[in-house]
Amino acid sequence: MKLSDFKFEVPKKLVSLYPTENRDESRLMVVNRKTGEIEHRVFKDIIEYFGDGDVFVMNDTKVFPARLYGNKEKTGAKIEVFLLRELNQDLRLWDVLVDPARKIRVGNKLYFGDSDLVAEVIDNTTSRGRTIRFLFDGTNEEFYKTIDTLGETPILKEWIDRKVEAEDRERYQTIFAKNVGAVAAPTAGLHFTPHLLKRLELKGVEVCPITLHVGLGTFRQVDVEDLTKHKMDSENYDIPQSTVDKVNQALDNKKRIVSVGTTSLKTVESSVTANNKLKASSGWTDKFIIPPYEFKIANTLITNFHLPESTLLMTASAFGGYDLVMKAYQEAIKEKYRFFSYGDAMLIL
C-alpha cells in the first residue's frame, strides 16, 4: 500500500486536547468485520461484547516524565531534552532528542533544575539526536526520582496544542501501568477504570499483561510513499509465560483474544510459533504491520482514532480491513468523534 492511501483531513477541532471527565465514558465506535455494521456506543458498554473465557491483552508499560527543560553551560540558553531510552544504566547514558539542536554540541554541559542534574553531550546521532551522559553520583533509585521530579509528562505537543498540566501525569497513564519505560502512553488502555475491569472479571474475562515500551518512533512521520520501505524504530517488549498460557488456551477454545491497542497487537504478533501460537519472549521488535496482513493471535482490537498517514492507522487498517476502517473514519469525522491520544475509541470485532 501507499502512504497516500491513508491521506485524509481531520478537522483540527476533532483532535482532543483533554480526556473525558470519566475514563470509561468516552465514545465507542463498534465495527463488525463480518457484517460491515457500525454501532455508536459508550466505552463502558464494551462489557456487552465479551464473556467467559475471553482474554484481554493489555500493555502495562508506564510512561515516565521524559521531557526535561534546562540551560546550556556558559550562555545559559534555554534547552529542551527529550529522553528516548536508556542505553547504559551504570554509565547513565541516554539516547535523546534536543532542541534547539544547532546550539547543542558534543562536549556541552546541560543543567536541569537548580543544577540538581547535569548532563554532558558525548555524541551526535541524528540532526536532533544526541547521546548524553548524566553526571549523577547518587543511586539509580535517586537518579530516577530526580528525573521524575524534574521531568514533564511527554504528551505529544505537535498534536495536543496546549501546555502540559498537573492532571496529565495521571490521565496520560493507564490504571494498570506498571513497568516504567514508555515515552508515550498505549492510549487504547486509557479508557479502562477499576470498576470496568472488575465488571469484565465478573463476566469471566481474563486480563493478561504484556509490556512494550512505546517509543517516539511509533509516531514518527512516514516519509516514503512505498510503505514497505518504512523502517520502524525498535521497541523493548516482554511477554510473560502466564499470559502465553491464558492466550493459547483461549485460542484452543476459540474465544476472543482482544488486543487492547496497536502496541499490544504488534507485540503478540512479534512472538508467534510455527503452529500459530503465542510464545513467551522478550527483546526488541521493529514490526510494522500494514495491509494486507494475516493476524495469528488477536481476533479483536480496541484502538483510538489515529491521525492520517500514521503507522497506528495503518496497523488498525490491516486488522479491520482497509476499506471498512476508512469508511469508519469518515463516519467518525461526520459524527464528530474525538481523535488521538485523549480521544474516543474503536472496537473492531
Protein backbone atom coordinates (compact mmCIF):
# COMPACT_ATOMS: atom_id res chain seq x y z
CA MET A 1 0.00 0.00 0.00
CA LYS A 2 0.99 3.62 -0.42
CA LEU A 3 1.27 6.45 2.09
CA SER A 4 -1.24 8.46 0.06
CA ASP A 5 -3.86 5.73 0.67
CA PHE A 6 -4.01 6.99 4.25
CA LYS A 7 -4.31 10.68 3.47
CA PHE A 8 -7.50 12.49 4.55
CA GLU A 9 -8.42 15.58 6.53
CA VAL A 10 -9.32 15.55 10.22
CA PRO A 11 -10.74 18.91 11.35
CA LYS A 12 -8.44 20.36 13.98
CA LYS A 13 -11.34 20.76 16.42
CA LEU A 14 -11.73 16.96 16.49
CA VAL A 15 -8.21 16.43 17.88
CA SER A 16 -9.00 16.13 21.57
CA LEU A 17 -6.95 18.35 23.88
CA TYR A 18 -8.30 16.81 27.09
CA PRO A 19 -9.68 13.40 28.09
CA THR A 20 -13.32 12.86 29.06
CA GLU A 21 -14.04 13.52 32.74
CA ASN A 22 -14.57 9.79 33.35
CA ARG A 23 -12.24 7.43 31.50
CA ASP A 24 -14.91 4.90 30.53
CA GLU A 25 -17.40 7.50 29.25
CA SER A 26 -15.57 8.31 26.04
CA ARG A 27 -17.47 7.29 22.92
CA LEU A 28 -17.00 3.87 21.37
CA MET A 29 -17.49 3.04 17.72
CA VAL A 30 -18.08 -0.69 17.23
CA VAL A 31 -17.08 -2.02 13.81
CA ASN A 32 -18.13 -5.53 12.79
CA ARG A 33 -15.84 -7.04 10.14
CA LYS A 34 -18.28 -9.81 9.20
CA THR A 35 -21.33 -7.61 8.58
CA GLY A 36 -19.69 -4.23 7.93
CA GLU A 37 -22.09 -2.78 10.50
CA ILE A 38 -21.07 0.26 12.58
CA GLU A 39 -22.58 0.99 16.01
CA HIS A 40 -22.19 4.05 18.23
CA ARG A 41 -21.83 3.28 21.93
CA VAL A 42 -20.11 4.47 25.13
CA PHE A 43 -16.86 2.79 26.16
CA LYS A 44 -18.22 1.18 29.32
CA ASP A 45 -20.74 -0.70 27.11
CA ILE A 46 -17.79 -2.78 25.94
CA ILE A 47 -18.58 -5.48 28.50
CA GLU A 48 -21.68 -6.42 26.47
CA TYR A 49 -19.46 -7.89 23.75
CA PHE A 50 -17.41 -10.29 25.89
CA GLY A 51 -17.88 -13.24 28.20
CA ASP A 52 -16.41 -16.22 30.00
CA GLY A 53 -13.00 -17.32 28.69
CA ASP A 54 -12.32 -14.26 26.56
CA VAL A 55 -8.90 -12.66 27.06
CA PHE A 56 -7.83 -9.00 27.05
CA VAL A 57 -4.13 -8.46 26.29
CA MET A 58 -3.06 -5.16 27.85
CA ASN A 59 0.20 -3.25 27.62
CA ASP A 60 1.32 -2.49 31.19
CA THR A 61 4.13 -0.12 30.23
CA LYS A 62 4.37 3.03 32.35
CA VAL A 63 5.09 6.46 30.87
CA PHE A 64 7.89 8.35 32.57
CA PRO A 65 8.26 12.17 32.51
CA ALA A 66 10.64 12.18 29.57
CA ARG A 67 10.74 15.89 28.72
CA LEU A 68 13.38 17.94 30.58
CA TYR A 69 13.89 21.70 30.40
CA GLY A 70 17.26 23.15 31.25
CA ASN A 71 20.06 25.53 30.37
CA LYS A 72 23.28 25.28 28.44
CA GLU A 73 26.55 25.95 30.25
CA LYS A 74 28.13 29.42 29.96
CA THR A 75 25.43 31.02 27.79
CA GLY A 76 22.52 29.85 29.97
CA ALA A 77 20.47 29.39 26.78
CA LYS A 78 17.20 27.52 27.37
CA ILE A 79 17.15 23.99 26.01
CA GLU A 80 14.79 21.03 25.87
CA VAL A 81 15.89 17.40 26.12
CA PHE A 82 13.51 14.53 25.34
CA LEU A 83 14.68 11.24 26.83
CA LEU A 84 14.14 8.42 24.33
CA ARG A 85 15.75 5.45 26.02
CA GLU A 86 18.43 4.46 28.48
CA LEU A 87 21.47 2.96 26.75
CA ASN A 88 23.57 2.02 29.77
CA GLN A 89 22.31 2.22 33.34
CA ASP A 90 25.74 2.06 35.01
CA LEU A 91 27.18 4.85 32.85
CA ARG A 92 23.87 6.78 32.82
CA LEU A 93 23.99 7.01 29.02
CA TRP A 94 20.78 8.05 27.26
CA ASP A 95 19.59 8.41 23.70
CA VAL A 96 17.79 11.80 23.49
CA LEU A 97 16.36 14.45 21.18
CA VAL A 98 17.44 18.04 21.77
CA ASP A 99 16.05 21.45 20.91
CA PRO A 100 17.42 23.79 19.61
CA ALA A 101 19.68 21.19 18.00
CA ARG A 102 22.07 23.64 16.34
CA LYS A 103 23.11 25.02 19.73
CA ILE A 104 23.75 21.70 21.48
CA ARG A 105 27.09 20.18 20.51
CA VAL A 106 29.39 17.38 21.66
CA GLY A 107 31.18 18.44 24.85
CA ASN A 108 28.45 20.84 26.01
CA LYS A 109 27.22 20.52 29.58
CA LEU A 110 23.48 20.85 30.21
CA TYR A 111 21.95 21.86 33.55
CA PHE A 112 18.46 20.94 34.77
CA GLY A 113 16.54 22.32 37.73
CA ASP A 114 18.73 24.38 40.05
CA SER A 115 21.69 22.38 38.73
CA ASP A 116 20.20 19.33 40.51
CA LEU A 117 21.04 17.36 37.40
CA VAL A 118 23.90 17.83 34.95
CA ALA A 119 24.49 16.04 31.65
CA GLU A 120 27.28 16.08 29.11
CA VAL A 121 26.74 15.63 25.36
CA ILE A 122 29.03 12.87 24.14
CA ASP A 123 27.82 12.08 20.61
CA ASN A 124 25.63 13.24 17.71
CA THR A 125 23.32 10.52 16.41
CA THR A 126 20.96 12.39 14.04
CA SER A 127 20.25 16.05 13.29
CA ARG A 128 18.30 16.33 16.58
CA GLY A 129 19.57 13.15 18.23
CA ARG A 130 22.32 13.09 20.83
CA THR A 131 23.84 10.64 23.28
CA ILE A 132 24.22 12.24 26.69
CA ARG A 133 25.77 11.10 29.97
CA PHE A 134 24.20 12.24 33.22
CA LEU A 135 26.80 13.21 35.82
CA PHE A 136 24.99 11.97 38.93
CA ASP A 137 26.65 10.47 42.00
CA GLY A 138 23.60 9.02 43.77
CA THR A 139 21.97 5.60 43.49
CA ASN A 140 19.88 4.54 40.50
CA GLU A 141 16.78 4.97 42.62
CA GLU A 142 17.79 8.56 43.47
CA PHE A 143 18.58 9.26 39.82
CA TYR A 144 15.16 8.09 38.59
CA LYS A 145 13.47 10.03 41.38
CA THR A 146 15.28 13.18 40.21
CA ILE A 147 14.11 12.58 36.62
CA ASP A 148 10.58 12.03 37.94
CA THR A 149 10.72 15.34 39.84
CA LEU A 150 12.26 17.47 37.07
CA GLY A 151 10.63 15.83 34.05
CA GLU A 152 7.37 16.73 32.33
CA THR A 153 4.69 14.33 31.06
CA PRO A 154 5.55 13.75 27.38
CA ILE A 155 2.20 14.40 25.72
CA LEU A 156 2.85 14.98 22.02
CA LYS A 157 2.72 18.74 21.59
CA GLU A 158 2.72 18.53 17.81
CA TRP A 159 -0.92 17.47 18.06
CA ILE A 160 -2.08 18.31 21.58
CA ASP A 161 -1.56 22.04 21.25
CA ARG A 162 -1.55 23.22 24.86
CA LYS A 163 0.70 23.34 27.90
CA VAL A 164 1.13 20.20 29.96
CA GLU A 165 -0.94 20.35 33.15
CA ALA A 166 -0.64 18.56 36.50
CA GLU A 167 -3.59 16.28 35.68
CA ASP A 168 -1.77 14.90 32.64
CA ARG A 169 0.58 12.93 34.88
CA GLU A 170 -2.36 10.81 36.00
CA ARG A 171 -4.58 10.92 32.90
CA TYR A 172 -1.81 10.15 30.38
CA GLN A 173 -1.25 6.84 32.17
CA THR A 174 -3.31 3.66 32.16
CA ILE A 175 -4.61 2.48 35.54
CA PHE A 176 -2.69 -0.80 35.05
CA ALA A 177 0.65 0.85 34.16
CA LYS A 178 3.42 -0.97 36.00
CA ASN A 179 6.74 -1.24 34.13
CA VAL A 180 8.43 2.13 33.61
CA GLY A 181 9.91 2.80 30.17
CA ALA A 182 7.45 4.37 27.71
CA VAL A 183 7.67 7.89 26.31
CA ALA A 184 4.08 7.70 25.04
CA ALA A 185 1.02 6.03 26.52
CA PRO A 186 -0.65 2.96 25.00
CA THR A 187 -3.75 5.09 24.56
CA ALA A 188 -6.40 2.40 23.99
CA GLY A 189 -5.84 1.44 27.62
CA LEU A 190 -6.63 4.94 28.91
CA HIS A 191 -10.38 4.20 28.75
CA PHE A 192 -10.36 1.48 31.41
CA THR A 193 -11.37 2.09 35.04
CA PRO A 194 -11.00 -0.24 38.06
CA HIS A 195 -14.79 -0.66 38.07
CA LEU A 196 -14.89 -1.63 34.39
CA LEU A 197 -12.07 -4.15 34.84
CA LYS A 198 -13.93 -5.65 37.81
CA ARG A 199 -17.11 -5.99 35.74
CA LEU A 200 -15.15 -7.76 32.99
CA GLU A 201 -13.61 -10.08 35.58
CA LEU A 202 -17.07 -10.93 36.95
CA LYS A 203 -18.08 -11.97 33.42
CA GLY A 204 -15.15 -14.39 33.31
CA VAL A 205 -12.85 -12.27 31.15
CA GLU A 206 -9.12 -12.75 31.78
CA VAL A 207 -6.84 -9.69 31.73
CA CYS A 208 -3.32 -10.62 30.60
CA PRO A 209 -0.35 -8.22 30.69
CA ILE A 210 2.40 -7.79 28.15
CA THR A 211 4.93 -4.94 28.10
CA LEU A 212 6.00 -2.85 25.13
CA HIS A 213 7.82 0.36 25.97
CA VAL A 214 6.28 2.71 23.43
CA GLY A 215 8.87 4.91 21.73
CA LEU A 216 8.55 8.06 19.64
CA GLY A 217 9.19 6.00 16.51
CA THR A 218 5.59 4.81 16.66
CA PHE A 219 4.54 8.41 15.99
CA ARG A 220 7.36 9.36 13.63
CA GLN A 221 6.14 10.76 10.34
CA VAL A 222 6.27 8.29 7.46
CA ASP A 223 8.17 9.98 4.64
CA VAL A 224 8.19 7.28 1.95
CA GLU A 225 5.29 6.64 -0.44
CA ASP A 226 6.11 2.92 -0.60
CA LEU A 227 5.22 1.71 2.91
CA THR A 228 7.36 -1.42 2.60
CA LYS A 229 10.40 0.89 2.70
CA HIS A 230 9.45 2.50 6.04
CA LYS A 231 11.60 1.34 8.96
CA MET A 232 10.18 1.37 12.49
CA ASP A 233 12.39 2.13 15.48
CA SER A 234 12.91 -0.89 17.74
CA GLU A 235 10.94 -1.03 20.99
CA ASN A 236 11.63 -3.23 24.00
CA TYR A 237 8.98 -5.82 24.86
CA ASP A 238 8.24 -8.70 27.23
CA ILE A 239 5.60 -11.45 27.01
CA PRO A 240 5.39 -13.50 30.24
CA GLN A 241 4.60 -17.22 30.27
CA SER A 242 1.46 -16.63 32.37
CA THR A 243 -0.01 -14.52 29.55
CA VAL A 244 1.03 -17.08 26.93
CA ASP A 245 -0.75 -19.90 28.77
CA LYS A 246 -4.04 -17.99 29.01
CA VAL A 247 -3.93 -16.68 25.43
CA ASN A 248 -3.16 -20.09 23.94
CA GLN A 249 -5.92 -21.72 25.98
CA ALA A 250 -8.35 -19.10 24.67
CA LEU A 251 -7.13 -19.79 21.11
CA ASP A 252 -7.75 -23.52 21.61
CA ASN A 253 -11.24 -22.76 22.96
CA LYS A 254 -11.99 -20.39 20.04
CA LYS A 255 -12.56 -17.45 22.40
CA ARG A 256 -11.97 -13.78 21.75
CA ILE A 257 -8.39 -12.60 22.16
CA VAL A 258 -8.73 -8.84 22.49
CA SER A 259 -5.69 -6.72 21.79
CA VAL A 260 -6.02 -3.51 23.80
CA GLY A 261 -4.22 -1.16 21.44
CA THR A 262 -1.96 -1.48 18.43
CA THR A 263 1.09 -1.75 20.73
CA SER A 264 -0.29 -4.96 22.26
CA LEU A 265 -1.18 -6.17 18.77
CA LYS A 266 2.33 -5.56 17.45
CA THR A 267 3.83 -7.28 20.49
CA VAL A 268 1.89 -10.53 20.28
CA GLU A 269 2.38 -10.70 16.51
CA SER A 270 6.14 -10.39 17.10
CA SER A 271 6.25 -13.69 19.01
CA VAL A 272 4.36 -16.44 17.17
CA THR A 273 5.29 -20.12 16.97
CA ALA A 274 5.33 -22.19 13.76
CA ASN A 275 1.87 -23.54 14.63
CA ASN A 276 0.44 -20.05 15.20
CA LYS A 277 0.51 -19.97 18.99
CA LEU A 278 1.88 -17.22 21.22
CA LYS A 279 5.28 -17.85 22.80
CA ALA A 280 6.94 -16.26 25.81
CA SER A 281 9.80 -13.97 24.82
CA SER A 282 11.45 -10.65 25.47
CA GLY A 283 13.68 -8.41 23.40
CA TRP A 284 13.26 -5.76 20.73
CA THR A 285 10.72 -5.52 17.94
CA ASP A 286 10.55 -3.23 14.92
CA LYS A 287 7.48 -4.94 13.45
CA PHE A 288 5.46 -2.71 11.13
CA ILE A 289 2.02 -4.09 10.25
CA ILE A 290 0.32 -2.77 7.11
CA PRO A 291 -2.48 -4.20 4.95
CA PRO A 292 -2.72 -6.95 3.87
CA TYR A 293 -1.65 -8.97 6.92
CA GLU A 294 -2.84 -12.27 8.37
CA PHE A 295 -3.12 -11.96 12.15
CA LYS A 296 -2.21 -15.10 14.09
CA ILE A 297 -3.12 -14.26 17.70
CA ALA A 298 -5.62 -11.43 18.27
CA ASN A 299 -9.09 -11.61 16.73
CA THR A 300 -10.47 -8.40 18.27
CA LEU A 301 -8.92 -4.92 18.57
CA ILE A 302 -9.58 -1.89 20.75
CA THR A 303 -7.86 1.22 19.42
CA ASN A 304 -8.17 5.00 19.43
CA PHE A 305 -8.84 7.19 16.39
CA HIS A 306 -5.45 7.90 14.85
CA LEU A 307 -4.15 10.69 12.69
CA PRO A 308 -3.90 10.41 8.88
CA GLU A 309 -0.73 8.78 7.49
CA SER A 310 0.24 7.40 10.91
CA THR A 311 1.67 3.90 11.42
CA LEU A 312 -1.04 3.32 14.05
CA LEU A 313 -3.79 3.90 11.48
CA MET A 314 -2.04 1.56 9.04
CA THR A 315 -1.94 -1.21 11.64
CA ALA A 316 -5.61 -0.69 12.56
CA SER A 317 -6.48 -0.83 8.84
CA ALA A 318 -4.59 -4.09 8.45
CA PHE A 319 -6.70 -5.53 11.25
CA GLY A 320 -10.11 -4.15 10.32
CA GLY A 321 -9.66 -4.19 6.56
CA TYR A 322 -8.62 -1.04 4.71
CA ASP A 323 -11.98 -0.20 3.10
CA LEU A 324 -14.03 -0.79 6.26
CA VAL A 325 -11.68 1.21 8.50
CA MET A 326 -11.58 4.13 6.05
CA LYS A 327 -15.39 4.06 5.92
CA ALA A 328 -15.48 4.03 9.75
CA TYR A 329 -13.11 7.02 9.88
CA GLN A 330 -15.32 9.04 7.53
CA GLU A 331 -18.26 8.16 9.76
CA ALA A 332 -16.24 9.20 12.83
CA ILE A 333 -15.49 12.61 11.30
CA LYS A 334 -19.13 13.06 10.34
CA GLU A 335 -20.29 12.08 13.85
CA LYS A 336 -17.61 14.28 15.46
CA TYR A 337 -15.69 11.57 17.30
CA ARG A 338 -12.63 12.81 19.18
CA PHE A 339 -9.23 11.89 17.74
CA PHE A 340 -5.76 11.00 19.01
CA SER A 341 -4.37 10.18 22.47
CA TYR A 342 -7.15 11.74 24.55
CA GLY A 343 -9.86 10.89 22.03
CA ASP A 344 -12.54 8.23 21.63
CA ALA A 345 -12.17 4.52 20.92
CA MET A 346 -12.99 1.96 18.25
CA LEU A 347 -13.76 -1.71 18.86
CA ILE A 348 -13.13 -3.92 15.82
CA LEU A 349 -14.89 -7.29 16.11
